[in-house]
C-alpha atoms as a PDB file:
ATOM      1  CA  MET A   1      69.223  48.148-146.279  1.00  0.00           C
ATOM      2  CA  GLU A   2      66.217  46.089-145.290  1.00  0.00           C
ATOM      3  CA  GLU A   3      64.826  46.092-148.817  1.00  0.00           C
ATOM      4  CA  LEU A   4      68.227  44.981-150.127  1.00  0.00           C
ATOM      5  CA  GLU A   5      68.199  42.085-147.680  1.00  0.00           C
ATOM      6  CA  MET A   6      64.783  41.060-148.908  1.00  0.00           C
ATOM      7  CA  VAL A   7      65.850  41.128-152.561  1.00  0.00           C
ATOM      8  CA  GLN A   8      68.921  39.008-151.835  1.00  0.00           C
ATOM      9  CA  ASP A   9      66.985  36.415-149.827  1.00  0.00           C
ATOM     10  CA  PRO A  10      67.418  33.106-151.700  1.00  0.00           C
ATOM     11  CA  ASP A  11      64.193  31.690-150.273  1.00  0.00           C
ATOM     12  CA  PRO A  12      61.183  33.133-152.165  1.00  0.00           C
ATOM     13  CA  GLY A  13      58.853  31.595-149.572  1.00  0.00           C
ATOM     14  CA  ASN A  14      60.550  33.626-146.861  1.00  0.00           C
ATOM     15  CA  THR A  15      60.104  36.797-148.895  1.00  0.00           C
ATOM     16  CA  ARG A  16      56.405  36.051-149.341  1.00  0.00           C
ATOM     17  CA  ARG A  17      56.008  35.512-145.598  1.00  0.00           C
ATOM     18  CA  ILE A  18      57.638  38.853-144.864  1.00  0.00           C
ATOM     19  CA  ARG A  19      55.370  40.637-147.313  1.00  0.00           C
ATOM     20  CA  LEU A  20      52.322  38.925-145.847  1.00  0.00           C
ATOM     21  CA  ALA A  21      53.434  39.951-142.360  1.00  0.00           C
ATOM     22  CA  ARG A  22      53.658  43.567-143.487  1.00  0.00           C
ATOM     23  CA  VAL A  23      50.178  43.412-145.000  1.00  0.00           C
ATOM     24  CA  VAL A  24      48.690  41.803-141.880  1.00  0.00           C
ATOM     25  CA  ALA A  25      50.400  44.304-139.576  1.00  0.00           C
ATOM     26  CA  GLY A  26      49.354  47.253-141.712  1.00  0.00           C
ATOM     27  CA  PHE A  27      45.748  46.064-141.929  1.00  0.00           C
ATOM     28  CA  PHE A  28      45.330  45.550-138.195  1.00  0.00           C
ATOM     29  CA  CYS A  29      47.109  48.836-137.509  1.00  0.00           C
ATOM     30  CA  LEU A  30      44.373  50.594-139.488  1.00  0.00           C
ATOM     31  CA  VAL A  31      41.720  48.559-137.658  1.00  0.00           C
ATOM     32  CA  ALA A  32      43.104  49.709-134.313  1.00  0.00           C
ATOM     33  CA  LEU A  33      43.221  53.338-135.395  1.00  0.00           C
ATOM     34  CA  VAL A  34      39.812  53.654-137.044  1.00  0.00           C
ATOM     35  CA  PRO A  35      37.169  50.926-136.438  1.00  0.00           C
ATOM     36  CA  MET A  36      38.427  50.507-132.871  1.00  0.00           C
ATOM     37  CA  TYR A  37      38.281  54.311-132.426  1.00  0.00           C
ATOM     38  CA  GLY A  38      41.915  54.761-131.446  1.00  0.00           C
ATOM     39  CA  LEU A  39      42.326  58.133-133.154  1.00  0.00           C
ATOM     40  CA  ILE A  40      38.743  59.221-132.579  1.00  0.00           C
ATOM     41  CA  ASP A  41      38.915  58.736-128.810  1.00  0.00           C
ATOM     42  CA  LEU A  42      42.229  60.579-128.619  1.00  0.00           C
ATOM     43  CA  GLY A  43      40.494  63.486-130.333  1.00  0.00           C
ATOM     44  CA  THR A  44      38.148  64.044-127.391  1.00  0.00           C
ATOM     45  CA  LEU A  45      41.003  65.739-125.532  1.00  0.00           C
ATOM     46  CA  LEU A  46      41.385  68.198-128.408  1.00  0.00           C
ATOM     47  CA  GLY A  47      37.654  68.885-128.665  1.00  0.00           C
ATOM     48  CA  TRP A  48      37.249  66.862-131.873  1.00  0.00           C
ATOM     49  CA  ALA A  49      34.018  65.252-130.748  1.00  0.00           C
ATOM     50  CA  ASN A  50      30.291  65.943-130.706  1.00  0.00           C
ATOM     51  CA  PRO A  51      29.902  68.916-128.326  1.00  0.00           C
ATOM     52  CA  GLU A  52      26.351  67.835-127.456  1.00  0.00           C
ATOM     53  CA  TYR A  53      27.744  64.918-125.458  1.00  0.00           C
ATOM     54  CA  VAL A  54      29.715  65.197-122.199  1.00  0.00           C
ATOM     55  CA  TRP A  55      32.687  62.963-122.950  1.00  0.00           C
ATOM     56  CA  ALA A  56      34.527  61.080-120.215  1.00  0.00           C
ATOM     57  CA  VAL A  57      37.788  62.366-121.658  1.00  0.00           C
ATOM     58  CA  PRO A  58      40.211  60.516-119.325  1.00  0.00           C
ATOM     59  CA  LEU A  59      38.495  57.205-120.122  1.00  0.00           C
ATOM     60  CA  GLU A  60      38.387  58.010-123.825  1.00  0.00           C
ATOM     61  CA  SER A  61      42.055  58.996-123.746  1.00  0.00           C
ATOM     62  CA  SER A  62      43.182  55.712-122.209  1.00  0.00           C
ATOM     63  CA  TRP A  63      41.167  53.805-124.823  1.00  0.00           C
ATOM     64  CA  GLY A  64      42.731  55.868-127.589  1.00  0.00           C
ATOM     65  CA  ALA A  65      46.189  55.440-126.055  1.00  0.00           C
ATOM     66  CA  LEU A  66      45.871  51.649-126.026  1.00  0.00           C
ATOM     67  CA  PHE A  67      44.702  51.287-129.620  1.00  0.00           C
ATOM     68  CA  THR A  68      46.872  54.057-131.073  1.00  0.00           C
ATOM     69  CA  PHE A  69      50.084  54.256-129.065  1.00  0.00           C
ATOM     70  CA  SER A  70      50.432  50.674-127.790  1.00  0.00           C
ATOM     71  CA  ILE A  71      48.780  48.496-130.437  1.00  0.00           C
ATOM     72  CA  GLY A  72      48.809  50.755-133.501  1.00  0.00           C
ATOM     73  CA  SER A  73      52.403  51.902-133.107  1.00  0.00           C
ATOM     74  CA  ALA A  74      53.705  48.343-132.670  1.00  0.00           C
ATOM     75  CA  LEU A  75      51.809  47.076-135.712  1.00  0.00           C
ATOM     76  CA  GLY A  76      52.935  50.066-137.747  1.00  0.00           C
ATOM     77  CA  TRP A  77      56.542  49.393-136.738  1.00  0.00           C
ATOM     78  CA  ILE A  78      56.239  45.788-137.908  1.00  0.00           C
ATOM     79  CA  ALA A  79      54.747  46.870-141.223  1.00  0.00           C
ATOM     80  CA  LEU A  80      57.596  49.311-141.852  1.00  0.00           C
ATOM     81  CA  TRP A  81      60.588  47.524-140.313  1.00  0.00           C
ATOM     82  CA  PRO A  82      59.769  43.806-140.008  1.00  0.00           C
ATOM     83  CA  ALA A  83      63.394  42.746-139.487  1.00  0.00           C
ATOM     84  CA  ARG A  84      63.703  44.957-136.396  1.00  0.00           C
ATOM     85  CA  SER A  85      60.363  44.153-134.827  1.00  0.00           C
ATOM     86  CA  ARG A  86      61.310  41.947-131.867  1.00  0.00           C
ATOM     87  CA  THR A  87      60.391  44.650-129.408  1.00  0.00           C
ATOM     88  CA  ALA A  88      57.149  45.406-131.266  1.00  0.00           C
ATOM     89  CA  LEU A  89      56.148  41.769-130.859  1.00  0.00           C
ATOM     90  CA  VAL A  90      57.074  41.880-127.159  1.00  0.00           C
ATOM     91  CA  GLN A  91      54.982  45.033-126.769  1.00  0.00           C
ATOM     92  CA  LEU A  92      51.981  43.373-128.427  1.00  0.00           C
ATOM     93  CA  ALA A  93      52.417  40.297-126.225  1.00  0.00           C
ATOM     94  CA  THR A  94      52.469  42.571-123.174  1.00  0.00           C
ATOM     95  CA  VAL A  95      49.275  44.247-124.375  1.00  0.00           C
ATOM     96  CA  THR A  96      47.673  40.816-124.729  1.00  0.00           C
ATOM     97  CA  GLY A  97      48.586  39.847-121.172  1.00  0.00           C
ATOM     98  CA  ALA A  98      47.471  43.148-119.632  1.00  0.00           C
ATOM     99  CA  VAL A  99      44.128  43.206-121.436  1.00  0.00           C
ATOM    100  CA  LEU A 100      43.329  39.559-120.681  1.00  0.00           C
ATOM    101  CA  LEU A 101      44.225  40.054-117.014  1.00  0.00           C
ATOM    102  CA  CYS A 102      41.838  42.993-116.765  1.00  0.00           C
ATOM    103  CA  ALA A 103      39.205  41.022-118.686  1.00  0.00           C
ATOM    104  CA  LEU A 104      39.462  38.373-115.982  1.00  0.00           C
ATOM    105  CA  VAL A 105      38.833  40.986-113.269  1.00  0.00           C
ATOM    106  CA  TRP A 106      35.948  42.636-115.160  1.00  0.00           C
ATOM    107  CA  TRP A 107      34.322  39.325-116.021  1.00  0.00           C
ATOM    108  CA  GLU A 108      31.030  40.501-117.504  1.00  0.00           C
ATOM    109  CA  GLN A 109      32.177  43.388-119.644  1.00  0.00           C
ATOM    110  CA  GLY A 110      35.816  42.428-119.986  1.00  0.00           C
ATOM    111  CA  PRO A 111      37.561  42.925-123.316  1.00  0.00           C
ATOM    112  CA  TRP A 112      38.153  39.219-123.903  1.00  0.00           C
ATOM    113  CA  TRP A 113      37.887  39.418-127.639  1.00  0.00           C
ATOM    114  CA  VAL A 114      40.285  42.394-127.782  1.00  0.00           C
ATOM    115  CA  GLY A 115      43.016  40.570-125.870  1.00  0.00           C
ATOM    116  CA  LEU A 116      42.508  37.319-127.774  1.00  0.00           C
ATOM    117  CA  THR A 117      42.556  39.089-131.137  1.00  0.00           C
ATOM    118  CA  VAL A 118      45.783  40.922-130.327  1.00  0.00           C
ATOM    119  CA  GLY A 119      47.291  37.664-129.100  1.00  0.00           C
ATOM    120  CA  VAL A 120      46.360  35.736-132.251  1.00  0.00           C
ATOM    121  CA  VAL A 121      47.658  38.499-134.525  1.00  0.00           C
ATOM    122  CA  THR A 122      50.905  38.671-132.530  1.00  0.00           C
ATOM    123  CA  ALA A 123      51.417  34.902-132.760  1.00  0.00           C
ATOM    124  CA  ALA A 124      50.709  34.957-136.494  1.00  0.00           C
ATOM    125  CA  LEU A 125      53.189  37.775-137.088  1.00  0.00           C
ATOM    126  CA  ALA A 126      55.863  36.046-135.005  1.00  0.00           C
ATOM    127  CA  TRP A 127      55.378  32.896-137.077  1.00  0.00           C
ATOM    128  CA  LEU A 128      55.518  34.769-140.377  1.00  0.00           C
ATOM    129  CA  LEU A 129      58.695  36.609-139.354  1.00  0.00           C
ATOM    130  CA  ARG A 130      60.506  33.576-137.935  1.00  0.00           C
ATOM    131  CA  GLY A 131      64.105  33.474-139.068  1.00  0.00           C
ATOM    132  CA  HIS A 132      63.962  37.056-140.352  1.00  0.00           C
ATOM    133  CA  LEU A 133      64.237  38.991-137.107  1.00  0.00           C
ATOM    134  CA  VAL A 134      67.605  40.635-136.527  1.00  0.00           C
ATOM    135  CA  PRO A 135      69.002  39.830-133.037  1.00  0.00           C
ATOM    136  CA  ALA A 136      68.437  42.782-130.725  1.00  0.00           C
ATOM    137  CA  PRO A 137      71.654  44.326-129.343  1.00  0.00           C
ATOM    138  CA  VAL A 138      71.819  44.150-125.568  1.00  0.00           C
ATOM    139  CA  SER A 139      73.565  46.913-123.676  1.00  0.00           C
ATOM    140  CA  ALA A 140      74.649  47.189-120.066  1.00  0.00           C
ATOM    141  CA  THR A 141      71.967  47.974-117.530  1.00  0.00           C
ATOM    142  CA  ALA A 142      70.979  51.630-117.698  1.00  0.00           C
ATOM    143  CA  TRP A 143      70.498  52.358-114.008  1.00  0.00           C
ATOM    144  CA  PRO A 144      68.816  55.763-114.468  1.00  0.00           C
ATOM    145  CA  ARG A 145      66.231  54.100-116.705  1.00  0.00           C
ATOM    146  CA  LEU A 146      65.696  51.380-114.113  1.00  0.00           C
ATOM    147  CA  VAL A 147      65.045  54.001-111.445  1.00  0.00           C
ATOM    148  CA  TRP A 148      62.666  55.761-113.842  1.00  0.00           C
ATOM    149  CA  ALA A 149      60.794  52.507-114.478  1.00  0.00           C
ATOM    150  CA  LEU A 150      60.487  51.864-110.742  1.00  0.00           C
ATOM    151  CA  LEU A 151      59.092  55.361-110.261  1.00  0.00           C
ATOM    152  CA  GLY A 152      56.552  54.442-112.922  1.00  0.00           C
ATOM    153  CA  VAL A 153      55.425  51.531-110.746  1.00  0.00           C
ATOM    154  CA  VAL A 154      54.864  53.943-107.863  1.00  0.00           C
ATOM    155  CA  LEU A 155      52.862  56.241-110.132  1.00  0.00           C
ATOM    156  CA  TRP A 156      50.810  53.796-112.196  1.00  0.00           C
ATOM    157  CA  ALA A 157      50.059  51.003-109.707  1.00  0.00           C
ATOM    158  CA  PRO A 158      47.701  53.311-107.740  1.00  0.00           C
ATOM    159  CA  ALA A 159      46.137  54.350-111.048  1.00  0.00           C
ATOM    160  CA  ALA A 160      45.382  50.728-111.938  1.00  0.00           C
ATOM    161  CA  TRP A 161      44.007  50.074-108.448  1.00  0.00           C
ATOM    162  CA  GLY A 162      41.997  53.286-108.586  1.00  0.00           C
ATOM    163  CA  ALA A 163      40.436  52.213-111.884  1.00  0.00           C
ATOM    164  CA  PHE A 164      39.369  48.952-110.276  1.00  0.00           C
ATOM    165  CA  GLN A 165      37.908  50.657-107.196  1.00  0.00           C
ATOM    166  CA  HIS A 166      36.074  53.331-109.186  1.00  0.00           C
ATOM    167  CA  SER A 167      34.604  50.777-111.570  1.00  0.00           C
ATOM    168  CA  LEU A 168      32.919  48.944-108.673  1.00  0.00           C
ATOM    169  CA  SER A 169      30.974  52.050-107.677  1.00  0.00           C
ATOM    170  CA  ALA A 170      30.682  53.768-111.060  1.00  0.00           C
ATOM    171  CA  ALA A 171      27.266  55.223-111.758  1.00  0.00           C
ATOM    172  CA  PRO A 172      25.550  54.155-114.997  1.00  0.00           C
ATOM    173  CA  GLU A 173      26.299  57.538-116.542  1.00  0.00           C
ATOM    174  CA  GLU A 174      30.008  56.992-115.872  1.00  0.00           C
ATOM    175  CA  LEU A 175      30.169  53.821-117.952  1.00  0.00           C
ATOM    176  CA  GLU A 176      31.584  54.106-121.440  1.00  0.00           C
ATOM    177  CA  ILE A 177      30.989  51.268-123.904  1.00  0.00           C
ATOM    178  CA  THR A 178      32.717  50.987-127.279  1.00  0.00           C
ATOM    179  CA  ASN A 179      32.234  47.954-129.517  1.00  0.00           C
ATOM    180  CA  ASP A 180      30.584  46.171-126.559  1.00  0.00           C
ATOM    181  CA  VAL A 181      33.666  46.716-124.364  1.00  0.00           C
ATOM    182  CA  ASP A 182      33.611  48.722-121.131  1.00  0.00           C
ATOM    183  CA  HIS A 183      36.326  51.388-120.951  1.00  0.00           C
ATOM    184  CA  TRP A 184      37.170  50.738-117.297  1.00  0.00           C
ATOM    185  CA  PRO A 185      39.133  47.496-117.845  1.00  0.00           C
ATOM    186  CA  ILE A 186      40.962  49.210-120.700  1.00  0.00           C
ATOM    187  CA  HIS A 187      41.750  52.084-118.339  1.00  0.00           C
ATOM    188  CA  ALA A 188      43.377  49.650-115.915  1.00  0.00           C
ATOM    189  CA  ALA A 189      45.121  47.708-118.705  1.00  0.00           C
ATOM    190  CA  VAL A 190      46.840  50.859-119.937  1.00  0.00           C
ATOM    191  CA  ALA A 191      48.062  51.583-116.396  1.00  0.00           C
ATOM    192  CA  LEU A 192      49.506  48.059-116.250  1.00  0.00           C
ATOM    193  CA  LEU A 193      51.245  48.595-119.594  1.00  0.00           C
ATOM    194  CA  LEU A 194      52.779  51.810-118.317  1.00  0.00           C
ATOM    195  CA  ILE A 195      54.172  49.801-115.393  1.00  0.00           C
ATOM    196  CA  LEU A 196      55.609  47.011-117.550  1.00  0.00           C
ATOM    197  CA  LEU A 197      56.819  48.580-120.801  1.00  0.00           C
ATOM    198  CA  PRO A 198      59.421  50.980-119.302  1.00  0.00           C
ATOM    199  CA  PHE A 199      61.426  47.972-118.101  1.00  0.00           C
ATOM    200  CA  LEU A 200      62.141  47.146-121.768  1.00  0.00           C
ATOM    201  CA  LEU A 201      64.253  50.293-121.856  1.00  0.00           C
ATOM    202  CA  VAL A 202      66.637  49.162-119.143  1.00  0.00           C
ATOM    203  CA  ARG A 203      68.900  46.987-121.314  1.00  0.00           C
ATOM    204  CA  ARG A 204      67.798  46.830-124.950  1.00  0.00           C
ATOM    205  CA  ARG A 205      68.698  49.699-127.296  1.00  0.00           C
ATOM    206  CA  GLU A 206      66.483  48.396-130.095  1.00  0.00           C
ATOM    207  CA  SER A 207      63.429  48.932-127.915  1.00  0.00           C
ATOM    208  CA  GLU A 208      64.107  52.566-127.153  1.00  0.00           C
ATOM    209  CA  ARG A 209      62.301  54.482-129.874  1.00  0.00           C
ATOM    210  CA  LEU A 210      59.154  52.366-130.023  1.00  0.00           C
ATOM    211  CA  VAL A 211      58.730  51.995-126.270  1.00  0.00           C
ATOM    212  CA  LEU A 212      59.447  55.667-125.584  1.00  0.00           C
ATOM    213  CA  LEU A 213      56.861  56.568-128.217  1.00  0.00           C
ATOM    214  CA  SER A 214      54.231  54.263-126.759  1.00  0.00           C
ATOM    215  CA  VAL A 215      54.872  55.020-123.088  1.00  0.00           C
ATOM    216  CA  GLY A 216      55.551  58.724-123.513  1.00  0.00           C
ATOM    217  CA  LEU A 217      52.513  59.529-125.616  1.00  0.00           C
ATOM    218  CA  SER A 218      50.169  57.320-123.576  1.00  0.00           C
ATOM    219  CA  ALA A 219      51.221  58.695-120.204  1.00  0.00           C
ATOM    220  CA  SER A 220      51.298  62.328-121.279  1.00  0.00           C
ATOM    221  CA  TRP A 221      47.944  62.107-123.095  1.00  0.00           C
ATOM    222  CA  ILE A 222      46.210  60.546-120.092  1.00  0.00           C
ATOM    223  CA  GLY A 223      47.894  62.981-117.716  1.00  0.00           C
ATOM    224  CA  MET A 224      46.772  65.972-119.779  1.00  0.00           C
ATOM    225  CA  ALA A 225      43.226  64.571-119.935  1.00  0.00           C
ATOM    226  CA  MET A 226      43.125  64.334-116.136  1.00  0.00           C
ATOM    227  CA  LEU A 227      44.444  67.879-115.809  1.00  0.00           C
ATOM    228  CA  ALA A 228      42.060  69.338-118.371  1.00  0.00           C
ATOM    229  CA  PHE A 229      38.946  67.447-117.227  1.00  0.00           C
ATOM    230  CA  PRO A 230      39.326  66.735-113.488  1.00  0.00           C
ATOM    231  CA  ASP A 231      35.547  66.336-113.040  1.00  0.00           C
ATOM    232  CA  ARG A 232      35.034  63.627-115.675  1.00  0.00           C
ATOM    233  CA  ALA A 233      34.897  59.847-115.245  1.00  0.00           C
ATOM    234  CA  GLY A 234      38.301  58.230-115.418  1.00  0.00           C
ATOM    235  CA  VAL A 235      40.145  60.542-113.024  1.00  0.00           C
ATOM    236  CA  VAL A 236      41.141  57.819-110.593  1.00  0.00           C
ATOM    237  CA  LEU A 237      43.690  59.852-108.634  1.00  0.00           C
ATOM    238  CA  SER A 238      44.069  63.479-107.649  1.00  0.00           C
ATOM    239  CA  THR A 239      44.537  66.129-110.311  1.00  0.00           C
ATOM    240  CA  ALA A 240      48.140  66.445-109.174  1.00  0.00           C
ATOM    241  CA  ALA A 241      48.684  62.901-110.407  1.00  0.00           C
ATOM    242  CA  GLY A 242      48.006  64.110-113.947  1.00  0.00           C
ATOM    243  CA  ALA A 243      50.850  66.607-113.618  1.00  0.00           C
ATOM    244  CA  ALA A 244      53.081  63.883-112.144  1.00  0.00           C
ATOM    245  CA  MET A 245      52.358  61.684-115.168  1.00  0.00           C
ATOM    246  CA  VAL A 246      53.460  64.386-117.579  1.00  0.00           C
ATOM    247  CA  LEU A 247      56.594  65.164-115.530  1.00  0.00           C
ATOM    248  CA  TRP A 248      57.438  61.451-115.403  1.00  0.00           C
ATOM    249  CA  VAL A 249      57.342  61.313-119.197  1.00  0.00           C
ATOM    250  CA  LEU A 250      59.617  64.361-119.482  1.00  0.00           C
ATOM    251  CA  ALA A 251      62.085  62.829-117.026  1.00  0.00           C
ATOM    252  CA  GLY A 252      62.219  59.626-119.058  1.00  0.00           C
ATOM    253  CA  ALA A 253      62.803  61.488-122.292  1.00  0.00           C
ATOM    254  CA  LEU A 254      65.693  63.452-120.774  1.00  0.00           C
ATOM    255  CA  LEU A 255      67.510  60.457-119.347  1.00  0.00           C
ATOM    256  CA  LYS A 256      70.652  59.403-121.232  1.00  0.00           C
ATOM    257  CA  ARG A 257      71.740  55.818-121.634  1.00  0.00           C
END
């Protein structure tokens, strides 16, 4: 259906903009997954890493979750379904805000360039897709989802605060640097995203699949990392919190609209 709409578009300039948007989204999706180590850092939980090094798996998992499940999935969605990418753009804008906020807190090793890059790419994609985005259907408030989102605040706000507190006293061996960016602000940024993104599920049906994918995979991956490696850097709460994270994801997946 989408391809048919593109063929019938009387404005060839609009068609070129849509194609360019798909190329830009696809390119930066690959950048997030590979050069930014999205997939590689996720692999530490599965043992797909150099065994000679003691990996801070919870920290690596949150890094991988940000670049794979939050940034990569949104960019991939835009590349595949540009007409239905309003929520993907909102998700990327939320990522930009969360990362820049944490960069402000972690002034010296904050991921400024990560947040700014995501923000510029998001603005460029929104401009390229102007006039092509299909209006998102809005449903009545899904109260069970609202309760679930509020429970997420209770769960993830202490995680974000714990990341901040631990980073202040982290020993040098607990620091993880990738592409000149400290993992601790990313750890907190992901917790902030897991507070904010579930609220997109409360009213908008179009957001459901993408947001559930991003939130569900991020939360469960980080929770499993905390359960599997409770003695590694990045475990900012008790081990029981890792189990609570996984159960929270399962509860969200089971809720009906």
